Amino acid sequence: MRIYHTYFSRGTLLHWATWLFSFLVLLSYSSEAGKAESSSPNVLFISVDDLNDWITPLGGHPNAKTPNMERLAAMGTTFSNAYCSAPACNPSRASLMTGIRPHRSGVYQNNSVWRNSPLLAKAQTLPQYFRSHGYHTLGSGKIFHSNFPDPESWSDYYPSKRVQRPFPPLPPEGTSFNGLNLNHFDWGELNVDKEEFSDWKVADFVVEQLLKPSDKPLFLACGIYLPHLPWYLPEGYLERFPVDEIELPSSFEHDLNDVPEAARKNVRFGDHEAVTKAGQWKLAIQGYLASMSFADDCLGRVLDALEAGPHKDNTIIVLWSDHGWHLGEKFTWKKFTLWEEATRLPLLFAGPGIAKNRFCQAPVNLIDLYPTLVDMAGLKKKEGLDGTSLRPFLENPDYIWGRPSLTTWGKGNHSLRTPRWRYTRYSDGSEELYDHANDPQEWTNLAGDSNYDSIKENLVHWFPTEEADVVPGISNPPPFFERLEEQRRILEEEGKL
């Protein structure tokens, strides 16, 4: 005993006891920190490009078939009146991913290099913010605009941080299925296995991540490209939508007689004339519906993997599109307008803490996604964002707020959407006002009727009073297929093709 007593003196024992206590405290802290990190919810961030309100949860088109979007809607909350901040890919996605509206950043058009905006040059994107809070940020497919990916946002990306989308199969060079020769405004089936299509490969990558455990919470992006043009599909998808059963959108011969010239400038009369003169309006709609169906199949694979994997009960899902899409309504195609067809979009949430199988009627905006996901994930509030968290709606879809949704298309052109009204003002001062309670197709412009002056007066203060200058862009962006070839070159250079 005396030997041990001599060796473990009181000072020595105190020293070792203190060290042991400190070690146990540190071990406990590390364990709790790891537990907190592993319990943070994952985010499954799903974008479907150019997807309008035709999906079956929104009841937009009688021929649409999107069972997996119905499935997701049953899992959570669907926003029936969600709108973009801009009706074009680049300004919409730049604003969503940075939380800064186009009129503040100056990113108004597709050719604007969004990181050249003084306000966005060092902006912390949504995935960057999650990454700074211990998340592993992964993704595949189109999340940022194709011309302007943001490598710094991601821990890893497939196929490349510089090329978001796996290279797609294409028809032989010079082939035009529809014979319209409108560059990539084309559709048809390719004799290629569906597994070779880029969206299927995107789903493959996302499925792989969802089926394995992760030592960090995930911010996992899934960017489905279809129904963006061209609508090239595996065999069998077009026949899901027999042409003789397809319904054309409602139209009105004098629809544009009462709209200002500033609105008419956005109309792509040439596209509509080419499609209708060739008798291909129903065929074009068939191509769009079939592309929606393929996108829906890819979504189903992702949802199946989430259900089967280890992240099932701890993942927030959000599905969004960057804007809507015209298919002949108002004699125009694509996006690029401030009307309902180009601005309304699907927005669906599911996951822990989110009301199931519910619909929210409030007018909301993609600008609200950044603060919403930060809030739902329990992260520290990000200052300087233009949007507002939608969490109150996700917990109670009947929650009410008194703000309209704002969409901007070019400097000085803005549209406000309330539950009933759409009020649009252009840079030349001209206006449009539509009563959606009585005119859901926006056929009758009420802006010049003095009986509705009070409606405009109640809304006008929501328009921006200051606007940033236009951010310079690519002066002559290459056509679609040339851009694809540049992306192919990058992938070959990186050994990823």
Foldseek 3Di string as FASTA:
>chain_A
DVVVCVVCDPVNVVVVVVVVVVVVVVVVVVVVVLVVFQQQFAAEEEAEAQAFQVAVVLVNFPLFDQVLVVVLQQQFEWANFEWFQALDQAQRLLCLFQLHHCQAQQAFDPFFQSCLGPVNVPGQTLLNVVVVVFAQEEAAADRHRQCHADLVSHPAAPPHSNGRWDQADDDPPPDAPLPLPPFQCGADEDQDPQCRGGLVVRLVVLLVVLADDDSGHYHYYRYHYPPPTPLYHHPPLLVSRDLVPGDADDEDPCQCVPADPVQVVQAPLVVLCSCVVSVNLSVSVSSRSSRSRSNSVSSVSNLVSNCNHPNVQRYKYKYWYSWAWDSCYVNHTGARGPDNRSIGIIIGIHHPLFDGSYYAHFNHYSSQPSQQVCVVSVHDGDPDRPHHHPSVCRNPSDDDDDAWDWYDNDPQWIWTDGSFKIWIAHNVGGIFIDGCVVCVSRRDGCVPPPVCVVVCVVHVVVDDPHGDHNRDGDPDDDGDVVSSVVSVVVCVVVVSD
